[in-house]
Amino acid sequence: KLVDANEVNTLVSSILLTDAAARDKLISLHRPSAITTSHQSVVPPIVRVKLLRLRAIAFEAVGDYEAARTNLEICVGLGDETIDNWQRLGRARLRTGDFDGSRAAFLAAFQLSLARDQSQTDERASILLQLGELHILMGQDGEASRVLAAAHELAPSLARVNDLTNRIELASQGAPDSKKRVQMPFWPETPSQAVRARIEGWLESAHVALPVAMRPALARV
């Protein structure tokens, strides 16, 4: 049975990993619009996409995910559909609240990786890891487990996959620290996020150390 465009968003990722037709349809549904370049443009297309990619990386580094996403959407729309660009777009879409678009971008990266050297299992496992993280952040632990299991098959020694799988298992058993799982940093922190985390950690420590009467003042900082 052919999958309708309205149904494809409801298909779970573990099915889309093996159903190429449905995967293609989901990717097409969320693919950035194609952009044609003017012949009068002073910047050659190959230079433009490189500049857009560099801008996106810079915006991602400072935590401006809206700007990173805008540049990556244009980059992919111009035809620069690389594994790295799709993965970055998946992260930018996720951090701007577009879960379906994020999933489609990660699956597009996965699809491109399938067309490459089949020995690049670590690369595909890394893409599936990010897809699994997406499902964890969406509260879909069951689907995350299935996707992470596929990643583990490709790269059994990938520590991050095993760590997340164990945390999901602990959460399903109601372990005391299971809530910490959702607070784990997904993907490398940007410099601004690292600074913010340090400041928040200091404020939390100060809040505990202060007398009760002084805590409301610190809470307003």
N, C-alpha and C. Protein backbone atom coordinates (compact mmCIF):
# COMPACT_ATOMS: atom_id res chain seq x y z
N LYS A 1 0.84 -1.20 0.00
CA LYS A 1 0.00 0.00 0.00
C LYS A 1 0.87 1.25 0.00
N LEU A 2 0.57 2.20 -0.91
CA LEU A 2 1.33 3.44 -0.95
C LEU A 2 0.93 4.31 0.22
N VAL A 3 1.91 4.97 0.80
CA VAL A 3 1.66 5.82 1.96
C VAL A 3 1.25 7.21 1.50
N ASP A 4 0.14 7.70 2.04
CA ASP A 4 -0.33 9.03 1.71
C ASP A 4 0.54 10.07 2.39
N ALA A 5 0.64 11.26 1.76
CA ALA A 5 1.49 12.33 2.32
C ALA A 5 1.03 12.73 3.71
N ASN A 6 -0.28 12.63 3.97
CA ASN A 6 -0.80 13.00 5.28
C ASN A 6 -0.47 11.95 6.34
N GLU A 7 -0.18 10.73 5.90
CA GLU A 7 0.10 9.65 6.83
C GLU A 7 1.58 9.50 7.15
N VAL A 8 2.43 10.01 6.25
CA VAL A 8 3.85 9.72 6.37
C VAL A 8 4.45 10.29 7.65
N ASN A 9 3.93 11.42 8.13
CA ASN A 9 4.47 12.01 9.37
C ASN A 9 4.17 11.15 10.58
N THR A 10 3.16 10.28 10.46
CA THR A 10 2.79 9.45 11.61
C THR A 10 3.57 8.14 11.66
N LEU A 11 4.30 7.81 10.60
CA LEU A 11 5.08 6.57 10.59
C LEU A 11 6.26 6.69 11.54
N VAL A 12 6.53 5.63 12.26
CA VAL A 12 7.65 5.66 13.20
C VAL A 12 8.97 5.55 12.45
N SER A 13 10.01 6.12 13.04
CA SER A 13 11.31 6.17 12.37
C SER A 13 11.89 4.79 12.11
N SER A 14 11.66 3.84 13.02
CA SER A 14 12.23 2.50 12.85
C SER A 14 11.67 1.82 11.59
N ILE A 15 10.45 2.18 11.19
CA ILE A 15 9.90 1.66 9.93
C ILE A 15 10.53 2.40 8.75
N LEU A 16 10.68 3.72 8.90
CA LEU A 16 11.22 4.53 7.81
C LEU A 16 12.68 4.18 7.50
N LEU A 17 13.39 3.60 8.45
CA LEU A 17 14.77 3.21 8.20
C LEU A 17 14.86 2.12 7.14
N THR A 18 13.81 1.30 7.03
CA THR A 18 13.84 0.19 6.07
C THR A 18 12.87 0.38 4.91
N ASP A 19 11.90 1.28 5.04
CA ASP A 19 10.92 1.52 3.96
C ASP A 19 11.39 2.73 3.16
N ALA A 20 12.13 2.47 2.08
CA ALA A 20 12.73 3.56 1.30
C ALA A 20 11.69 4.46 0.67
N ALA A 21 10.58 3.90 0.19
CA ALA A 21 9.55 4.71 -0.48
C ALA A 21 8.91 5.70 0.50
N ALA A 22 8.57 5.20 1.68
CA ALA A 22 7.97 6.09 2.69
C ALA A 22 8.98 7.12 3.17
N ARG A 23 10.23 6.69 3.30
CA ARG A 23 11.29 7.62 3.73
C ARG A 23 11.46 8.74 2.72
N ASP A 24 11.46 8.39 1.43
CA ASP A 24 11.57 9.40 0.37
C ASP A 24 10.43 10.40 0.45
N LYS A 25 9.24 9.89 0.73
CA LYS A 25 8.07 10.76 0.78
C LYS A 25 8.16 11.73 1.95
N LEU A 26 8.62 11.25 3.09
CA LEU A 26 8.76 12.13 4.26
C LEU A 26 9.82 13.20 4.01
N ILE A 27 10.93 12.79 3.42
CA ILE A 27 12.01 13.75 3.13
C ILE A 27 11.52 14.81 2.16
N SER A 28 10.80 14.37 1.11
CA SER A 28 10.28 15.32 0.11
C SER A 28 9.31 16.31 0.74
N LEU A 29 8.53 15.82 1.70
CA LEU A 29 7.53 16.66 2.36
C LEU A 29 8.19 17.81 3.13
N HIS A 30 9.39 17.57 3.63
CA HIS A 30 10.07 18.56 4.47
C HIS A 30 11.34 19.10 3.82
N ARG A 31 11.51 18.83 2.53
CA ARG A 31 12.70 19.32 1.83
C ARG A 31 12.58 20.83 1.59
N PRO A 32 13.65 21.60 1.85
CA PRO A 32 13.60 23.04 1.55
C PRO A 32 13.30 23.28 0.08
N SER A 33 12.57 24.33 -0.20
CA SER A 33 12.23 24.64 -1.59
C SER A 33 13.50 24.88 -2.41
N ALA A 34 13.47 24.35 -3.63
CA ALA A 34 14.63 24.53 -4.52
C ALA A 34 14.79 26.01 -4.86
N ILE A 35 16.03 26.45 -4.90
CA ILE A 35 16.32 27.85 -5.19
C ILE A 35 17.17 27.90 -6.46
N THR A 36 16.73 28.72 -7.41
CA THR A 36 17.51 28.88 -8.64
C THR A 36 18.35 30.15 -8.51
N THR A 37 19.56 30.08 -8.98
CA THR A 37 20.45 31.24 -8.89
C THR A 37 20.45 32.02 -10.18
N SER A 38 20.58 33.31 -10.06
CA SER A 38 20.61 34.19 -11.23
C SER A 38 21.99 34.13 -11.89
N HIS A 39 21.98 34.13 -13.22
CA HIS A 39 23.24 34.10 -13.95
C HIS A 39 24.01 35.41 -13.76
N GLN A 40 23.28 36.46 -13.36
CA GLN A 40 23.92 37.75 -13.15
C GLN A 40 24.57 37.87 -11.76
N SER A 41 24.37 36.85 -10.92
CA SER A 41 24.92 36.92 -9.58
C SER A 41 26.45 37.00 -9.62
N VAL A 42 27.00 37.92 -8.79
CA VAL A 42 28.46 38.08 -8.77
C VAL A 42 29.14 36.98 -7.97
N VAL A 43 28.35 36.26 -7.16
CA VAL A 43 28.92 35.18 -6.34
C VAL A 43 28.56 33.84 -6.97
N PRO A 44 29.54 33.05 -7.40
CA PRO A 44 29.24 31.74 -8.00
C PRO A 44 28.50 30.85 -6.99
N PRO A 45 27.57 30.01 -7.47
CA PRO A 45 26.78 29.16 -6.56
C PRO A 45 27.64 28.33 -5.61
N ILE A 46 28.76 27.79 -6.08
CA ILE A 46 29.59 26.95 -5.22
C ILE A 46 30.20 27.75 -4.07
N VAL A 47 30.49 29.02 -4.34
CA VAL A 47 31.03 29.89 -3.29
C VAL A 47 29.92 30.28 -2.33
N ARG A 48 28.75 30.54 -2.89
CA ARG A 48 27.61 30.97 -2.06
C ARG A 48 27.25 29.89 -1.04
N VAL A 49 27.19 28.62 -1.47
CA VAL A 49 26.79 27.57 -0.53
C VAL A 49 27.87 27.37 0.54
N LYS A 50 29.12 27.57 0.18
CA LYS A 50 30.18 27.45 1.19
C LYS A 50 30.06 28.56 2.23
N LEU A 51 29.74 29.78 1.76
CA LEU A 51 29.57 30.90 2.68
C LEU A 51 28.35 30.69 3.58
N LEU A 52 27.28 30.18 2.99
CA LEU A 52 26.06 29.91 3.77
C LEU A 52 26.34 28.87 4.85
N ARG A 53 27.10 27.84 4.48
CA ARG A 53 27.41 26.78 5.44
C ARG A 53 28.27 27.32 6.58
N LEU A 54 29.25 28.14 6.24
CA LEU A 54 30.10 28.73 7.27
C LEU A 54 29.30 29.65 8.19
N ARG A 55 28.37 30.41 7.62
CA ARG A 55 27.50 31.28 8.42
C ARG A 55 26.65 30.43 9.37
N ALA A 56 26.13 29.32 8.85
CA ALA A 56 25.29 28.44 9.66
C ALA A 56 26.08 27.86 10.83
N ILE A 57 27.31 27.44 10.56
CA ILE A 57 28.17 26.89 11.62
C ILE A 57 28.43 27.94 12.68
N ALA A 58 28.68 29.18 12.23
CA ALA A 58 28.94 30.27 13.18
C ALA A 58 27.71 30.57 14.03
N PHE A 59 26.55 30.62 13.40
CA PHE A 59 25.32 30.89 14.15
C PHE A 59 25.01 29.76 15.13
N GLU A 60 25.26 28.52 14.71
CA GLU A 60 25.04 27.39 15.59
C GLU A 60 25.97 27.47 16.81
N ALA A 61 27.20 27.94 16.58
CA ALA A 61 28.18 28.00 17.66
C ALA A 61 27.79 29.00 18.74
N VAL A 62 27.07 30.06 18.36
CA VAL A 62 26.66 31.06 19.36
C VAL A 62 25.22 30.84 19.83
N GLY A 63 24.60 29.75 19.37
CA GLY A 63 23.26 29.43 19.85
C GLY A 63 22.13 30.11 19.12
N ASP A 64 22.40 30.72 17.96
CA ASP A 64 21.33 31.36 17.18
C ASP A 64 20.83 30.33 16.17
N TYR A 65 19.95 29.44 16.62
CA TYR A 65 19.52 28.32 15.78
C TYR A 65 18.55 28.73 14.68
N GLU A 66 17.80 29.81 14.90
CA GLU A 66 16.91 30.31 13.85
C GLU A 66 17.73 30.75 12.64
N ALA A 67 18.81 31.52 12.90
CA ALA A 67 19.66 31.99 11.82
C ALA A 67 20.41 30.82 11.17
N ALA A 68 20.87 29.88 12.00
CA ALA A 68 21.55 28.70 11.45
C ALA A 68 20.60 27.93 10.54
N ARG A 69 19.37 27.78 10.99
CA ARG A 69 18.39 27.04 10.18
C ARG A 69 18.12 27.75 8.86
N THR A 70 17.95 29.06 8.91
CA THR A 70 17.67 29.83 7.69
C THR A 70 18.77 29.63 6.66
N ASN A 71 20.03 29.71 7.11
CA ASN A 71 21.15 29.55 6.18
C ASN A 71 21.25 28.13 5.65
N LEU A 72 20.97 27.15 6.49
CA LEU A 72 21.03 25.76 6.05
C LEU A 72 19.89 25.41 5.10
N GLU A 73 18.71 25.99 5.34
CA GLU A 73 17.58 25.74 4.42
C GLU A 73 17.93 26.27 3.03
N ILE A 74 18.54 27.45 2.96
CA ILE A 74 18.93 28.02 1.67
C ILE A 74 20.03 27.16 1.04
N CYS A 75 20.97 26.75 1.86
CA CYS A 75 22.09 25.93 1.38
C CYS A 75 21.59 24.65 0.73
N VAL A 76 20.70 23.94 1.43
CA VAL A 76 20.14 22.70 0.89
C VAL A 76 19.25 23.00 -0.31
N GLY A 77 18.50 24.11 -0.25
CA GLY A 77 17.64 24.50 -1.37
C GLY A 77 18.42 24.79 -2.63
N LEU A 78 19.68 25.22 -2.46
CA LEU A 78 20.55 25.48 -3.61
C LEU A 78 21.18 24.19 -4.15
N GLY A 79 20.88 23.08 -3.50
CA GLY A 79 21.37 21.79 -4.00
C GLY A 79 22.55 21.21 -3.28
N ASP A 80 23.02 21.88 -2.22
CA ASP A 80 24.18 21.36 -1.48
C ASP A 80 23.69 20.37 -0.42
N GLU A 81 23.22 19.23 -0.88
CA GLU A 81 22.63 18.22 0.00
C GLU A 81 23.70 17.23 0.44
N THR A 82 24.47 17.63 1.42
CA THR A 82 25.50 16.75 1.98
C THR A 82 24.99 16.15 3.28
N ILE A 83 25.64 15.09 3.70
CA ILE A 83 25.28 14.45 4.97
C ILE A 83 25.41 15.43 6.12
N ASP A 84 26.51 16.18 6.12
CA ASP A 84 26.75 17.13 7.21
C ASP A 84 25.69 18.23 7.22
N ASN A 85 25.34 18.77 6.05
CA ASN A 85 24.33 19.84 6.00
C ASN A 85 22.98 19.34 6.49
N TRP A 86 22.60 18.12 6.10
CA TRP A 86 21.32 17.58 6.55
C TRP A 86 21.32 17.36 8.06
N GLN A 87 22.44 16.88 8.60
CA GLN A 87 22.50 16.66 10.04
C GLN A 87 22.41 17.99 10.80
N ARG A 88 23.14 18.99 10.31
CA ARG A 88 23.08 20.31 10.95
C ARG A 88 21.68 20.90 10.86
N LEU A 89 21.03 20.70 9.72
CA LEU A 89 19.67 21.19 9.56
C LEU A 89 18.73 20.46 10.51
N GLY A 90 18.96 19.16 10.70
CA GLY A 90 18.15 18.39 11.64
C GLY A 90 18.27 18.95 13.05
N ARG A 91 19.50 19.29 13.46
CA ARG A 91 19.71 19.84 14.79
C ARG A 91 19.08 21.23 14.93
N ALA A 92 19.25 22.05 13.88
CA ALA A 92 18.69 23.40 13.92
C ALA A 92 17.17 23.37 13.95
N ARG A 93 16.58 22.47 13.17
CA ARG A 93 15.11 22.36 13.17
C ARG A 93 14.62 21.88 14.53
N LEU A 94 15.32 20.93 15.12
CA LEU A 94 14.91 20.44 16.43
C LEU A 94 14.95 21.56 17.46
N ARG A 95 16.04 22.33 17.46
CA ARG A 95 16.20 23.37 18.46
C ARG A 95 15.27 24.56 18.21
N THR A 96 14.62 24.59 17.06
CA THR A 96 13.62 25.63 16.81
C THR A 96 12.20 25.05 16.85
N GLY A 97 12.08 23.82 17.33
CA GLY A 97 10.76 23.24 17.59
C GLY A 97 10.11 22.48 16.46
N ASP A 98 10.83 22.27 15.35
CA ASP A 98 10.25 21.54 14.20
C ASP A 98 10.68 20.08 14.28
N PHE A 99 9.95 19.28 15.06
CA PHE A 99 10.33 17.89 15.27
C PHE A 99 10.20 17.04 14.01
N ASP A 100 9.09 17.21 13.28
CA ASP A 100 8.90 16.42 12.05
C ASP A 100 9.95 16.77 11.02
N GLY A 101 10.24 18.07 10.87
CA GLY A 101 11.26 18.50 9.93
C GLY A 101 12.64 18.01 10.33
N SER A 102 12.89 17.98 11.63
CA SER A 102 14.17 17.49 12.14
C SER A 102 14.33 16.01 11.81
N ARG A 103 13.28 15.25 12.04
CA ARG A 103 13.34 13.81 11.77
C ARG A 103 13.59 13.56 10.28
N ALA A 104 12.92 14.33 9.42
CA ALA A 104 13.11 14.17 7.98
C ALA A 104 14.55 14.49 7.57
N ALA A 105 15.14 15.51 8.21
CA ALA A 105 16.52 15.89 7.88
C ALA A 105 17.49 14.79 8.28
N PHE A 106 17.30 14.22 9.48
CA PHE A 106 18.19 13.13 9.91
C PHE A 106 18.03 11.91 9.00
N LEU A 107 16.80 11.64 8.58
CA LEU A 107 16.58 10.51 7.69
C LEU A 107 17.18 10.77 6.31
N ALA A 108 17.19 12.05 5.88
CA ALA A 108 17.83 12.39 4.60
C ALA A 108 19.33 12.14 4.69
N ALA A 109 19.92 12.50 5.84
CA ALA A 109 21.35 12.23 6.05
C ALA A 109 21.61 10.73 6.05
N PHE A 110 20.71 9.98 6.69
CA PHE A 110 20.84 8.52 6.73
C PHE A 110 20.75 7.93 5.33
N GLN A 111 19.82 8.45 4.53
CA GLN A 111 19.64 7.95 3.17
C GLN A 111 20.89 8.21 2.32
N LEU A 112 21.47 9.39 2.47
CA LEU A 112 22.70 9.69 1.73
C LEU A 112 23.84 8.76 2.16
N SER A 113 23.88 8.46 3.45
CA SER A 113 24.95 7.59 3.96
C SER A 113 24.81 6.18 3.42
N LEU A 114 23.58 5.75 3.15
CA LEU A 114 23.37 4.41 2.59
C LEU A 114 23.95 4.30 1.18
N ALA A 115 23.97 5.44 0.47
CA ALA A 115 24.47 5.43 -0.90
C ALA A 115 26.00 5.48 -0.95
N ARG A 116 26.61 5.72 0.19
CA ARG A 116 28.07 5.77 0.24
C ARG A 116 28.65 4.40 0.54
N ASP A 117 29.93 4.36 0.79
CA ASP A 117 30.62 3.11 1.11
C ASP A 117 29.92 2.42 2.28
N GLN A 118 29.49 1.19 2.07
CA GLN A 118 28.74 0.47 3.09
C GLN A 118 29.56 0.19 4.35
N SER A 119 30.87 0.39 4.25
CA SER A 119 31.70 0.15 5.42
C SER A 119 31.65 1.31 6.42
N GLN A 120 31.02 2.43 6.02
CA GLN A 120 30.95 3.61 6.89
C GLN A 120 29.85 3.43 7.95
N THR A 121 29.96 2.37 8.72
CA THR A 121 28.90 2.08 9.70
C THR A 121 28.88 3.07 10.85
N ASP A 122 30.05 3.58 11.24
CA ASP A 122 30.08 4.56 12.34
C ASP A 122 29.32 5.82 11.97
N GLU A 123 29.44 6.23 10.72
CA GLU A 123 28.74 7.43 10.25
C GLU A 123 27.23 7.23 10.35
N ARG A 124 26.73 6.10 9.88
CA ARG A 124 25.29 5.84 9.95
C ARG A 124 24.83 5.70 11.39
N ALA A 125 25.66 5.08 12.22
CA ALA A 125 25.30 4.93 13.63
C ALA A 125 25.20 6.29 14.31
N SER A 126 26.08 7.22 13.94
CA SER A 126 26.05 8.56 14.50
C SER A 126 24.77 9.29 14.12
N ILE A 127 24.33 9.11 12.89
CA ILE A 127 23.07 9.73 12.44
C ILE A 127 21.89 9.14 13.22
N LEU A 128 21.89 7.82 13.38
CA LEU A 128 20.81 7.16 14.13
C LEU A 128 20.84 7.58 15.59
N LEU A 129 22.03 7.81 16.12
CA LEU A 129 22.14 8.29 17.50
C LEU A 129 21.40 9.62 17.66
N GLN A 130 21.61 10.54 16.73
CA GLN A 130 20.93 11.83 16.79
C GLN A 130 19.42 11.68 16.63
N LEU A 131 19.02 10.73 15.78
CA LEU A 131 17.60 10.46 15.61
C LEU A 131 17.01 9.90 16.90
N GLY A 132 17.77 9.03 17.56
CA GLY A 132 17.33 8.49 18.84
C GLY A 132 17.21 9.59 19.89
N GLU A 133 18.17 10.52 19.91
CA GLU A 133 18.11 11.64 20.85
C GLU A 133 16.87 12.49 20.60
N LEU A 134 16.55 12.67 19.32
CA LEU A 134 15.33 13.41 18.97
C LEU A 134 14.10 12.77 19.59
N HIS A 135 14.00 11.45 19.48
CA HIS A 135 12.83 10.76 20.03
C HIS A 135 12.80 10.82 21.56
N ILE A 136 13.96 10.82 22.19
CA ILE A 136 14.00 10.97 23.65
C ILE A 136 13.46 12.33 24.04
N LEU A 137 13.90 13.38 23.33
CA LEU A 137 13.44 14.73 23.64
C LEU A 137 11.95 14.89 23.35
N MET A 138 11.41 14.07 22.45
CA MET A 138 9.97 14.10 22.15
C MET A 138 9.18 13.26 23.14
N GLY A 139 9.87 12.58 24.06
CA GLY A 139 9.19 11.73 25.02
C GLY A 139 8.79 10.37 24.48
N GLN A 140 9.42 9.96 23.38
CA GLN A 140 9.08 8.69 22.74
C GLN A 140 10.19 7.67 23.01
N ASP A 141 10.26 7.22 24.25
CA ASP A 141 11.35 6.34 24.65
C ASP A 141 11.35 5.00 23.91
N GLY A 142 10.16 4.47 23.64
CA GLY A 142 10.07 3.19 22.95
C GLY A 142 10.67 3.26 21.55
N GLU A 143 10.32 4.31 20.83
CA GLU A 143 10.86 4.49 19.48
C GLU A 143 12.35 4.81 19.54
N ALA A 144 12.76 5.58 20.55
CA ALA A 144 14.18 5.87 20.73
C ALA A 144 14.97 4.59 20.93
N SER A 145 14.43 3.67 21.72
CA SER A 145 15.10 2.39 21.97
C SER A 145 15.30 1.60 20.68
N ARG A 146 14.27 1.60 19.83
CA ARG A 146 14.37 0.85 18.57
C ARG A 146 15.42 1.46 17.64
N VAL A 147 15.44 2.79 17.56
CA VAL A 147 16.42 3.46 16.70
C VAL A 147 17.83 3.28 17.26
N LEU A 148 17.97 3.40 18.58
CA LEU A 148 19.29 3.22 19.19
C LEU A 148 19.78 1.77 19.06
N ALA A 149 18.84 0.82 19.05
CA ALA A 149 19.22 -0.58 18.84
C ALA A 149 19.81 -0.76 17.44
N ALA A 150 19.23 -0.06 16.46
CA ALA A 150 19.77 -0.12 15.10
C ALA A 150 21.16 0.51 15.05
N ALA A 151 21.34 1.59 15.81
CA ALA A 151 22.67 2.23 15.87
C ALA A 151 23.68 1.29 16.53
N HIS A 152 23.25 0.59 17.57
CA HIS A 152 24.13 -0.33 18.28
C HIS A 152 24.56 -1.49 17.37
N GLU A 153 23.66 -1.92 16.52
CA GLU A 153 23.99 -2.99 15.57
C GLU A 153 25.12 -2.56 14.64
N LEU A 154 25.09 -1.28 14.24
CA LEU A 154 26.09 -0.77 13.32
C LEU A 154 27.43 -0.50 14.01
N ALA A 155 27.34 0.01 15.26
CA ALA A 155 28.56 0.36 15.99
C ALA A 155 28.40 -0.02 17.46
N PRO A 156 28.62 -1.28 17.79
CA PRO A 156 28.41 -1.77 19.17
C PRO A 156 29.23 -1.06 20.23
N SER A 157 30.35 -0.46 19.83
CA SER A 157 31.22 0.17 20.82
C SER A 157 30.93 1.66 21.03
N LEU A 158 29.93 2.19 20.35
CA LEU A 158 29.61 3.62 20.48
C LEU A 158 29.04 3.88 21.87
N ALA A 159 29.85 4.51 22.73
CA ALA A 159 29.51 4.64 24.15
C ALA A 159 28.22 5.42 24.36
N ARG A 160 28.01 6.46 23.56
CA ARG A 160 26.83 7.31 23.74
C ARG A 160 25.53 6.52 23.53
N VAL A 161 25.54 5.63 22.55
CA VAL A 161 24.36 4.79 22.29
C VAL A 161 24.07 3.91 23.49
N ASN A 162 25.10 3.26 24.01
CA ASN A 162 24.91 2.37 25.15
C ASN A 162 24.47 3.13 26.39
N ASP A 163 25.00 4.34 26.58
CA ASP A 163 24.63 5.15 27.74
C ASP A 163 23.15 5.54 27.68
N LEU A 164 22.70 6.01 26.52
CA LEU A 164 21.30 6.42 26.38
C LEU A 164 20.37 5.23 26.54
N THR A 165 20.76 4.09 25.96
CA THR A 165 19.93 2.88 26.07
C THR A 165 19.78 2.47 27.54
N ASN A 166 20.86 2.54 28.29
CA ASN A 166 20.80 2.20 29.72
C ASN A 166 19.93 3.17 30.49
N ARG A 167 20.01 4.46 30.15
CA ARG A 167 19.21 5.46 30.84
C ARG A 167 17.72 5.28 30.55
N ILE A 168 17.40 4.92 29.31
CA ILE A 168 16.00 4.66 28.97
C ILE A 168 15.49 3.47 29.77
N GLU A 169 16.33 2.45 29.89
CA GLU A 169 15.96 1.25 30.65
C GLU A 169 15.73 1.61 32.13
N LEU A 170 16.60 2.44 32.69
CA LEU A 170 16.43 2.88 34.07
C LEU A 170 15.14 3.67 34.24
N ALA A 171 14.85 4.52 33.27
CA ALA A 171 13.63 5.33 33.34
C ALA A 171 12.39 4.44 33.30
N SER A 172 12.44 3.40 32.47
CA SER A 172 11.28 2.50 32.37
C SER A 172 11.05 1.72 33.65
N GLN A 173 12.12 1.57 34.44
CA GLN A 173 12.02 0.86 35.72
C GLN A 173 11.73 1.81 36.88
N GLY A 174 11.60 3.11 36.55
CA GLY A 174 11.31 4.09 37.59
C GLY A 174 12.46 4.36 38.51
N ALA A 175 13.69 4.29 37.98
CA ALA A 175 14.88 4.53 38.80
C ALA A 175 14.87 5.96 39.33
N PRO A 176 15.41 6.20 40.52
CA PRO A 176 15.39 7.54 41.13
C PRO A 176 16.02 8.62 40.27
N ASP A 177 17.07 8.28 39.50
CA ASP A 177 17.75 9.31 38.71
C ASP A 177 17.26 9.36 37.28
N SER A 178 16.11 8.72 37.01
CA SER A 178 15.65 8.63 35.62
C SER A 178 15.32 10.00 35.04
N LYS A 179 14.91 10.96 35.90
CA LYS A 179 14.57 12.28 35.39
C LYS A 179 15.79 13.03 34.86
N LYS A 180 16.97 12.64 35.35
CA LYS A 180 18.18 13.31 34.90
C LYS A 180 18.43 13.05 33.42
N ARG A 181 17.85 11.99 32.89
CA ARG A 181 18.08 11.61 31.51
C ARG A 181 17.73 12.73 30.55
N VAL A 182 16.61 13.42 30.80
CA VAL A 182 16.16 14.45 29.87
C VAL A 182 16.99 15.72 29.99
N GLN A 183 17.83 15.82 31.03
CA GLN A 183 18.65 17.00 31.20
C GLN A 183 20.04 16.83 30.59
N MET A 184 20.29 15.68 30.00
CA MET A 184 21.61 15.43 29.41
C MET A 184 21.83 16.37 28.24
N PRO A 185 23.04 16.88 28.07
CA PRO A 185 23.31 17.76 26.93
C PRO A 185 23.35 16.96 25.63
N PHE A 186 22.48 17.28 24.70
CA PHE A 186 22.47 16.60 23.41
C PHE A 186 23.33 17.39 22.44
N TRP A 187 24.28 16.71 21.82
CA TRP A 187 25.24 17.28 20.89
C TRP A 187 26.21 18.20 21.64
N PRO A 188 27.33 18.48 21.04
CA PRO A 188 28.33 19.32 21.73
C PRO A 188 27.75 20.68 22.09
N GLU A 189 28.06 21.13 23.29
CA GLU A 189 27.58 22.44 23.73
C GLU A 189 28.25 23.55 22.92
N THR A 190 27.48 24.62 22.66
CA THR A 190 28.10 25.80 22.06
C THR A 190 28.80 26.56 23.17
N PRO A 191 29.76 27.44 22.84
CA PRO A 191 30.44 28.22 23.88
C PRO A 191 29.47 28.99 24.77
N SER A 192 28.45 29.59 24.17
CA SER A 192 27.51 30.37 24.97
C SER A 192 26.71 29.48 25.92
N GLN A 193 26.39 28.27 25.47
CA GLN A 193 25.67 27.33 26.34
C GLN A 193 26.54 26.88 27.49
N ALA A 194 27.83 26.68 27.23
CA ALA A 194 28.74 26.23 28.28
C ALA A 194 28.86 27.30 29.37
N VAL A 195 28.97 28.58 28.94
CA VAL A 195 29.06 29.68 29.91
C VAL A 195 27.78 29.78 30.72
N ARG A 196 26.64 29.66 30.02
CA ARG A 196 25.36 29.75 30.71
C ARG A 196 25.21 28.62 31.74
N ALA A 197 25.65 27.42 31.36
CA ALA A 197 25.55 26.27 32.26
C ALA A 197 26.38 26.50 33.52
N ARG A 198 27.58 27.07 33.33
CA ARG A 198 28.44 27.34 34.49
C ARG A 198 27.81 28.38 35.43
N ILE A 199 27.23 29.43 34.82
CA ILE A 199 26.58 30.47 35.63
C ILE A 199 25.39 29.90 36.39
N GLU A 200 24.57 29.09 35.69
CA GLU A 200 23.40 28.50 36.33
C GLU A 200 23.82 27.55 37.46
N GLY A 201 24.91 26.83 37.24
CA GLY A 201 25.41 25.93 38.29
C GLY A 201 25.87 26.70 39.51
N TRP A 202 26.54 27.83 39.27
CA TRP A 202 27.00 28.67 40.38
C TRP A 202 25.81 29.24 41.15
N LEU A 203 24.80 29.72 40.41
CA LEU A 203 23.61 30.30 41.05
C LEU A 203 22.87 29.25 41.89
N GLU A 204 22.81 28.02 41.34
CA GLU A 204 22.12 26.96 42.08
C GLU A 204 22.86 26.63 43.38
N SER A 205 24.20 26.60 43.32
CA SER A 205 25.00 26.34 44.52
C SER A 205 24.84 27.46 45.54
N ALA A 206 24.83 28.70 45.01
CA ALA A 206 24.67 29.85 45.90
C ALA A 206 23.30 29.85 46.56
N HIS A 207 22.29 29.43 45.80
CA HIS A 207 20.92 29.39 46.32
C HIS A 207 20.82 28.44 47.51
N VAL A 208 21.49 27.30 47.40
CA VAL A 208 21.46 26.31 48.48
C VAL A 208 22.22 26.83 49.70
N ALA A 209 23.33 27.55 49.46
CA ALA A 209 24.18 27.99 50.56
C ALA A 209 23.62 29.21 51.31
N LEU A 210 22.80 30.00 50.64
CA LEU A 210 22.29 31.23 51.26
C LEU A 210 21.25 30.93 52.34
N PRO A 211 21.12 31.83 53.31
CA PRO A 211 20.01 31.72 54.27
C PRO A 211 18.69 31.83 53.54
N VAL A 212 17.67 31.20 54.07
CA VAL A 212 16.36 31.15 53.41
C VAL A 212 15.85 32.55 53.09
N ALA A 213 16.05 33.51 53.99
CA ALA A 213 15.52 34.85 53.80
C ALA A 213 16.12 35.57 52.60
N MET A 214 17.33 35.17 52.20
CA MET A 214 18.01 35.85 51.10
C MET A 214 17.77 35.18 49.75
N ARG A 215 17.16 34.01 49.74
CA ARG A 215 17.00 33.27 48.48
C ARG A 215 16.11 33.98 47.47
N PRO A 216 15.01 34.64 47.88
CA PRO A 216 14.19 35.34 46.87
C PRO A 216 14.98 36.38 46.09
N ALA A 217 15.92 37.07 46.75
CA ALA A 217 16.72 38.09 46.07
C ALA A 217 17.58 37.45 44.99
N LEU A 218 18.18 36.28 45.29
CA LEU A 218 19.02 35.60 44.32
C LEU A 218 18.17 35.07 43.15
N ALA A 219 16.95 34.66 43.44
CA ALA A 219 16.08 34.11 42.40
C ALA A 219 15.75 35.13 41.33
N ARG A 220 15.87 36.45 41.70
CA ARG A 220 15.56 37.51 40.74
C ARG A 220 16.75 37.83 39.84
N VAL A 221 17.90 37.22 40.09
CA VAL A 221 19.09 37.52 39.28
C VAL A 221 18.91 37.00 37.86
